[in-house]
PDB file of N, CA and C in Angstrom:
ATOM      1  N   UNK A   1     113.185 124.947  89.282  1.00  0.00           N
ATOM      2  CA  UNK A   1     113.728 124.459  90.429  1.00  0.00           C
ATOM      3  C   UNK A   1     114.655 123.109  89.791  1.00  0.00           C
ATOM      4  N   UNK A   2     115.741 122.897  90.309  1.00  0.00           N
ATOM      5  CA  UNK A   2     116.753 122.273  89.899  1.00  0.00           C
ATOM      6  C   UNK A   2     116.313 120.636  90.620  1.00  0.00           C
ATOM      7  N   UNK A   3     116.585 119.487  89.525  1.00  0.00           N
ATOM      8  CA  UNK A   3     116.142 118.471  89.578  1.00  0.00           C
ATOM      9  C   UNK A   3     116.564 117.711  91.287  1.00  0.00           C
ATOM     10  N   UNK A   4     117.498 118.302  91.990  1.00  0.00           N
ATOM     11  CA  UNK A   4     117.589 117.733  93.277  1.00  0.00           C
ATOM     12  C   UNK A   4     116.640 118.082  93.936  1.00  0.00           C
ATOM     13  N   UNK A   5     116.408 119.327  93.925  1.00  0.00           N
ATOM     14  CA  UNK A   5     115.261 119.866  94.822  1.00  0.00           C
ATOM     15  C   UNK A   5     113.852 118.805  94.562  1.00  0.00           C
ATOM     16  N   UNK A   6     113.520 118.495  93.091  1.00  0.00           N
ATOM     17  CA  UNK A   6     112.532 117.900  93.068  1.00  0.00           C
ATOM     18  C   UNK A   6     112.637 116.412  93.816  1.00  0.00           C
ATOM     19  N   UNK A   7     113.646 115.910  93.497  1.00  0.00           N
ATOM     20  CA  UNK A   7     113.967 114.515  94.164  1.00  0.00           C
ATOM     21  C   UNK A   7     113.582 114.601  95.936  1.00  0.00           C
ATOM     22  N   UNK A   8     114.174 115.943  96.491  1.00  0.00           N
ATOM     23  CA  UNK A   8     114.105 115.962  97.791  1.00  0.00           C
ATOM     24  C   UNK A   8     112.809 116.050  98.252  1.00  0.00           C
ATOM     25  N   UNK A   9     111.882 116.750  97.323  1.00  0.00           N
ATOM     26  CA  UNK A   9     110.575 116.623  97.508  1.00  0.00           C
ATOM     27  C   UNK A   9     109.671 115.688  97.468  1.00  0.00           C
ATOM     28  N   UNK A  10     110.139 114.656  96.291  1.00  0.00           N
ATOM     29  CA  UNK A  10     109.503 113.745  96.128  1.00  0.00           C
ATOM     30  C   UNK A  10     109.754 112.621  97.318  1.00  0.00           C
ATOM     31  N   UNK A  11     110.734 112.542  97.831  1.00  0.00           N
ATOM     32  CA  UNK A  11     111.320 111.701  98.685  1.00  0.00           C
ATOM     33  C   UNK A  11     110.305 112.447 100.249  1.00  0.00           C
ATOM     34  N   UNK A  12     110.709 113.542 100.849  1.00  0.00           N
ATOM     35  CA  UNK A  12     109.825 114.032 101.925  1.00  0.00           C
ATOM     36  C   UNK A  12     108.314 113.609 101.902  1.00  0.00           C
ATOM     37  N   UNK A  13     107.432 113.756 100.403  1.00  0.00           N
ATOM     38  CA  UNK A  13     106.313 113.443 100.634  1.00  0.00           C
ATOM     39  C   UNK A  13     105.767 111.823 100.577  1.00  0.00           C
ATOM     40  N   UNK A  14     107.005 111.170  99.973  1.00  0.00           N
ATOM     41  CA  UNK A  14     107.151 109.562  99.889  1.00  0.00           C
ATOM     42  C   UNK A  14     106.953 109.087 101.496  1.00  0.00           C
ATOM     43  N   UNK A  15     107.862 109.781 101.981  1.00  0.00           N
ATOM     44  CA  UNK A  15     108.279 109.444 103.382  1.00  0.00           C
ATOM     45  C   UNK A  15     107.097 109.543 104.248  1.00  0.00           C
ATOM     46  N   UNK A  16     106.429 111.032 103.911  1.00  0.00           N
ATOM     47  CA  UNK A  16     104.854 111.207 104.894  1.00  0.00           C
ATOM     48  C   UNK A  16     103.894 109.819 104.502  1.00  0.00           C
ATOM     49  N   UNK A  17     103.813 110.121 103.500  1.00  0.00           N
ATOM     50  CA  UNK A  17     102.744 108.975 102.735  1.00  0.00           C
ATOM     51  C   UNK A  17     102.908 107.453 103.646  1.00  0.00           C
ATOM     52  N   UNK A  18     104.586 107.325 103.567  1.00  0.00           N
ATOM     53  CA  UNK A  18     104.697 105.832 103.938  1.00  0.00           C
ATOM     54  C   UNK A  18     104.470 105.682 105.467  1.00  0.00           C
ATOM     55  N   UNK A  19     104.946 106.608 106.138  1.00  0.00           N
ATOM     56  CA  UNK A  19     104.565 106.759 107.545  1.00  0.00           C
ATOM     57  C   UNK A  19     102.880 106.690 108.033  1.00  0.00           C
ATOM     58  N   UNK A  20     102.191 107.465 107.158  1.00  0.00           N
ATOM     59  CA  UNK A  20     100.615 107.352 107.463  1.00  0.00           C
ATOM     60  C   UNK A  20     100.405 105.719 107.143  1.00  0.00           C
ATOM     61  N   UNK A  21     100.753 105.459 106.068  1.00  0.00           N
ATOM     62  CA  UNK A  21      99.691 104.163 105.755  1.00  0.00           C
ATOM     63  C   UNK A  21     100.753 103.354 106.658  1.00  0.00           C
ATOM     64  N   UNK A  22     101.785 102.927 107.164  1.00  0.00           N
ATOM     65  CA  UNK A  22     102.152 102.357 107.903  1.00  0.00           C
ATOM     66  C   UNK A  22     101.679 102.107 109.506  1.00  0.00           C
ATOM     67  N   UNK A  23     101.067 103.575 109.749  1.00  0.00           N
ATOM     68  CA  UNK A  23     100.708 104.007 111.306  1.00  0.00           C
ATOM     69  C   UNK A  23      99.118 103.125 110.906  1.00  0.00           C
ATOM     70  N   UNK A  24      98.245 103.445 109.893  1.00  0.00           N
ATOM     71  CA  UNK A  24      96.881 102.800 109.531  1.00  0.00           C
ATOM     72  C   UNK A  24      97.241 101.196 109.845  1.00  0.00           C
ATOM     73  N   UNK A  25      98.225 100.658 108.707  1.00  0.00           N
ATOM     74  CA  UNK A  25      98.160  99.251 108.954  1.00  0.00           C
ATOM     75  C   UNK A  25      98.373  98.963 110.335  1.00  0.00           C
ATOM     76  N   UNK A  26      99.288  99.387 111.393  1.00  0.00           N
ATOM     77  CA  UNK A  26      99.573  99.117 112.552  1.00  0.00           C
ATOM     78  C   UNK A  26      98.125  99.577 113.718  1.00  0.00           C
ATOM     79  N   UNK A  27      97.366 100.083 113.302  1.00  0.00           N
ATOM     80  CA  UNK A  27      96.276 100.560 114.251  1.00  0.00           C
ATOM     81  C   UNK A  27      95.559  99.095 114.693  1.00  0.00           C
ATOM     82  N   UNK A  28      95.012  99.085 115.990  1.00  0.00           N
ATOM     83  CA  UNK A  28      94.457  97.961 116.151  1.00  0.00           C
ATOM     84  C   UNK A  28      93.267  98.507 117.131  1.00  0.00           C
ATOM     85  N   UNK A  29      92.027  97.915 116.982  1.00  0.00           N
ATOM     86  CA  UNK A  29      90.674  98.180 117.684  1.00  0.00           C
ATOM     87  C   UNK A  29      91.094  97.814 119.129  1.00  0.00           C
ATOM     88  N   UNK A  30      90.790  98.411 120.262  1.00  0.00           N
ATOM     89  CA  UNK A  30      90.921  98.095 121.859  1.00  0.00           C
ATOM     90  C   UNK A  30      89.793  96.748 122.309  1.00  0.00           C
ATOM     91  N   UNK A  31      90.091  95.642 122.398  1.00  0.00           N
ATOM     92  CA  UNK A  31      88.947  94.877 123.108  1.00  0.00           C
ATOM     93  C   UNK A  31      88.548  95.183 123.904  1.00  0.00           C
ATOM     94  N   UNK A  32      87.373  96.061 124.086  1.00  0.00           N
ATOM     95  CA  UNK A  32      86.605  96.329 125.187  1.00  0.00           C
ATOM     96  C   UNK A  32      85.024  95.264 125.577  1.00  0.00           C
ATOM     97  N   UNK A  33      84.720  95.098 126.927  1.00  0.00           N
ATOM     98  CA  UNK A  33      83.928  94.304 127.213  1.00  0.00           C
ATOM     99  C   UNK A  33      82.637  95.023 126.947  1.00  0.00           C
ATOM    100  N   UNK A  34      81.321  94.404 127.424  1.00  0.00           N
ATOM    101  CA  UNK A  34      80.143  94.885 127.039  1.00  0.00           C
ATOM    102  C   UNK A  34      79.950  95.893 128.060  1.00  0.00           C
ATOM    103  N   UNK A  35      80.279  95.723 129.309  1.00  0.00           N
ATOM    104  CA  UNK A  35      80.512  96.399 130.401  1.00  0.00           C
ATOM    105  C   UNK A  35      80.886  98.186 130.186  1.00  0.00           C
ATOM    106  N   UNK A  36      81.975  97.891 129.765  1.00  0.00           N
ATOM    107  CA  UNK A  36      83.069  98.985 129.341  1.00  0.00           C
ATOM    108  C   UNK A  36      81.950  99.337 128.229  1.00  0.00           C
ATOM    109  N   UNK A  37      81.599  99.251 127.238  1.00  0.00           N
ATOM    110  CA  UNK A  37      81.261  99.985 126.288  1.00  0.00           C
ATOM    111  C   UNK A  37      79.641 100.528 126.900  1.00  0.00           C
ATOM    112  N   UNK A  38      79.130 100.092 127.857  1.00  0.00           N
ATOM    113  CA  UNK A  38      77.690 100.363 128.157  1.00  0.00           C
ATOM    114  C   UNK A  38      78.325 101.669 129.194  1.00  0.00           C
ATOM    115  N   UNK A  39      79.474 101.755 129.840  1.00  0.00           N
ATOM    116  CA  UNK A  39      79.779 102.999 130.169  1.00  0.00           C
ATOM    117  C   UNK A  39      80.264 103.981 129.820  1.00  0.00           C
ATOM    118  N   UNK A  40      80.575 103.925 128.167  1.00  0.00           N
ATOM    119  CA  UNK A  40      81.615 104.707 127.568  1.00  0.00           C
ATOM    120  C   UNK A  40      80.157 105.392 126.672  1.00  0.00           C
ATOM    121  N   UNK A  41      79.043 104.925 126.524  1.00  0.00           N
ATOM    122  CA  UNK A  41      78.030 104.996 126.177  1.00  0.00           C
ATOM    123  C   UNK A  41      76.847 105.924 127.145  1.00  0.00           C
ATOM    124  N   UNK A  42      77.263 105.793 128.161  1.00  0.00           N
ATOM    125  CA  UNK A  42      76.492 106.484 129.414  1.00  0.00           C
ATOM    126  C   UNK A  42      77.252 107.916 129.320  1.00  0.00           C
ATOM    127  N   UNK A  43      78.560 108.024 129.304  1.00  0.00           N
ATOM    128  CA  UNK A  43      79.372 109.130 129.600  1.00  0.00           C
ATOM    129  C   UNK A  43      79.340 110.011 128.598  1.00  0.00           C
ATOM    130  N   UNK A  44      79.417 109.176 127.435  1.00  0.00           N
ATOM    131  CA  UNK A  44      78.993 110.219 125.935  1.00  0.00           C
ATOM    132  C   UNK A  44      77.345 110.767 126.185  1.00  0.00           C
ATOM    133  N   UNK A  45      76.436 109.899 126.269  1.00  0.00           N
ATOM    134  CA  UNK A  45      75.119 110.732 126.613  1.00  0.00           C
ATOM    135  C   UNK A  45      75.194 111.766 127.622  1.00  0.00           C
ATOM    136  N   UNK A  46      76.033 111.483 128.772  1.00  0.00           N
ATOM    137  CA  UNK A  46      75.745 112.649 129.812  1.00  0.00           C
ATOM    138  C   UNK A  46      76.570 113.741 129.256  1.00  0.00           C
ATOM    139  N   UNK A  47      77.675 113.524 128.650  1.00  0.00           N
ATOM    140  CA  UNK A  47      78.148 114.966 128.136  1.00  0.00           C
ATOM    141  C   UNK A  47      77.713 115.276 127.099  1.00  0.00           C
ATOM    142  N   UNK A  48      76.944 114.900 125.916  1.00  0.00           N
ATOM    143  CA  UNK A  48      75.884 115.389 124.706  1.00  0.00           C
ATOM    144  C   UNK A  48      74.831 116.570 125.872  1.00  0.00           C
ATOM    145  N   UNK A  49      74.029 115.881 126.846  1.00  0.00           N
ATOM    146  CA  UNK A  49      72.957 116.424 127.641  1.00  0.00           C
ATOM    147  C   UNK A  49      73.859 117.756 128.086  1.00  0.00           C
ATOM    148  N   UNK A  50      74.785 117.699 128.908  1.00  0.00           N
ATOM    149  CA  UNK A  50      75.644 118.701 129.240  1.00  0.00           C
ATOM    150  C   UNK A  50      76.058 119.686 128.275  1.00  0.00           C
ATOM    151  N   UNK A  51      76.254 119.290 127.060  1.00  0.00           N
ATOM    152  CA  UNK A  51      76.668 120.273 125.978  1.00  0.00           C
ATOM    153  C   UNK A  51      75.368 120.941 125.691  1.00  0.00           C
ATOM    154  N   UNK A  52      74.241 120.105 125.432  1.00  0.00           N
ATOM    155  CA  UNK A  52      72.980 120.941 125.064  1.00  0.00           C
ATOM    156  C   UNK A  52      72.623 121.805 125.787  1.00  0.00           C
ATOM    157  N   UNK A  53      72.723 121.704 127.230  1.00  0.00           N
ATOM    158  CA  UNK A  53      72.366 122.771 127.945  1.00  0.00           C
ATOM    159  C   UNK A  53      73.373 123.851 128.152  1.00  0.00           C
ATOM    160  N   UNK A  54      74.808 123.870 127.928  1.00  0.00           N
ATOM    161  CA  UNK A  54      75.458 125.099 127.863  1.00  0.00           C
ATOM    162  C   UNK A  54      75.008 125.823 126.797  1.00  0.00           C
ATOM    163  N   UNK A  55      74.466 125.372 125.580  1.00  0.00           N
ATOM    164  CA  UNK A  55      74.285 125.992 124.390  1.00  0.00           C
ATOM    165  C   UNK A  55      72.787 126.954 124.118  1.00  0.00           C
TER     166      UNK A  55
END
């Protein structure tokens, strides 16, 4: 493979890795209240029970 193909390949991989690292650094957790967390956990438990019944 010629040298410029290697250069393009390295730049593409670097661009992908850089984008993923930037995305990871800018990700933030959602501030949820205790009531919202409780509702989420209840819905998850309901869905788990429904999935267990379907199997």
